[in-house]
């Protein structure tokens, strides 16, 4: 392996895949926020709904794992 990750092509590819992954994650979160009957952000931050926050956290982890697996390969 060595110092292969220092090469510009590898570094740019890694940054590009990371940005694509974050973009896909954010779009997925916005879609799920739109299909739920209430505003997730307001419910979690303003009303301090911890149960919903835990469900959203689990959903975020699930989406992240799916995106990472899709990008990895």
Protein backbone atom coordinates (compact mmCIF):
# COMPACT_ATOMS: atom_id res chain seq x y z
CA UNK A 1 0.00 0.00 0.00
CA UNK A 2 2.58 2.56 1.04
CA UNK A 3 1.81 6.21 0.40
CA UNK A 4 -0.52 5.68 -2.55
CA UNK A 5 -3.22 7.85 -0.96
CA UNK A 6 -1.00 10.93 -1.36
CA UNK A 7 -1.33 10.83 -5.16
CA UNK A 8 -3.50 13.73 -6.42
CA UNK A 9 -5.80 11.48 -8.45
CA UNK A 10 -6.55 9.28 -5.45
CA UNK A 11 -7.05 12.27 -3.17
CA UNK A 12 -9.38 14.05 -5.62
CA UNK A 13 -11.34 10.83 -6.15
CA UNK A 14 -11.77 10.34 -2.42
CA UNK A 15 -12.96 13.92 -1.90
CA UNK A 16 -15.34 13.64 -4.86
CA UNK A 17 -16.87 10.39 -3.55
CA UNK A 18 -17.20 11.92 -0.08
CA UNK A 19 -19.04 14.93 -1.49
CA UNK A 20 -21.32 12.70 -3.57
CA UNK A 21 -22.07 10.62 -0.47
CA UNK A 22 -22.92 13.68 1.61
CA UNK A 23 -25.11 15.06 -1.18
CA UNK A 24 -27.03 11.78 -1.52
CA UNK A 25 -27.44 11.59 2.24
CA UNK A 26 -28.76 15.16 2.46
CA UNK A 27 -31.22 14.63 -0.42
CA UNK A 28 -32.46 11.42 1.22
CA UNK A 29 -32.98 13.21 4.51
CA UNK A 30 -34.91 16.01 2.83
CA UNK A 31 -37.15 13.51 1.03
CA UNK A 32 -37.90 11.68 4.27
CA UNK A 33 -38.54 15.02 6.00
CA UNK A 34 -41.06 15.94 3.28
CA UNK A 35 -42.98 12.65 3.43
CA UNK A 36 -43.41 12.71 7.20
CA UNK A 37 -46.56 14.46 8.45
CA UNK A 38 -44.62 16.95 10.62
CA UNK A 39 -41.43 19.01 10.47
CA UNK A 40 -38.64 16.80 11.82
CA UNK A 41 -36.29 19.68 12.65
CA UNK A 42 -38.92 21.61 14.61
CA UNK A 43 -40.12 18.50 16.40
CA UNK A 44 -36.60 17.53 17.48
CA UNK A 45 -35.07 20.94 18.24
CA UNK A 46 -37.99 23.03 19.46
CA UNK A 47 -40.18 20.41 21.10
CA UNK A 48 -37.23 18.28 22.33
CA UNK A 49 -38.77 15.00 21.12
CA UNK A 50 -36.00 12.56 22.06
CA UNK A 51 -37.78 9.47 20.77
CA UNK A 52 -38.09 10.99 17.31
CA UNK A 53 -34.46 12.15 17.48
CA UNK A 54 -33.38 8.57 18.14
CA UNK A 55 -35.43 7.29 15.20
CA UNK A 56 -33.98 9.97 12.91
CA UNK A 57 -30.46 9.14 14.12
CA UNK A 58 -31.01 5.46 13.30
CA UNK A 59 -32.39 6.44 9.90
CA UNK A 60 -29.33 8.63 9.26
CA UNK A 61 -26.99 5.79 10.13
CA UNK A 62 -28.89 3.45 7.83
CA UNK A 63 -28.77 5.87 4.90
CA UNK A 64 -25.07 6.49 5.55
CA UNK A 65 -24.28 2.77 5.52
CA UNK A 66 -26.22 2.29 2.27
CA UNK A 67 -24.47 5.24 0.59
CA UNK A 68 -21.05 4.06 1.80
CA UNK A 69 -21.68 0.53 0.51
CA UNK A 70 -22.87 1.87 -2.84
CA UNK A 71 -19.82 4.08 -3.25
CA UNK A 72 -17.36 1.46 -2.02
CA UNK A 73 -18.59 -0.97 -4.36
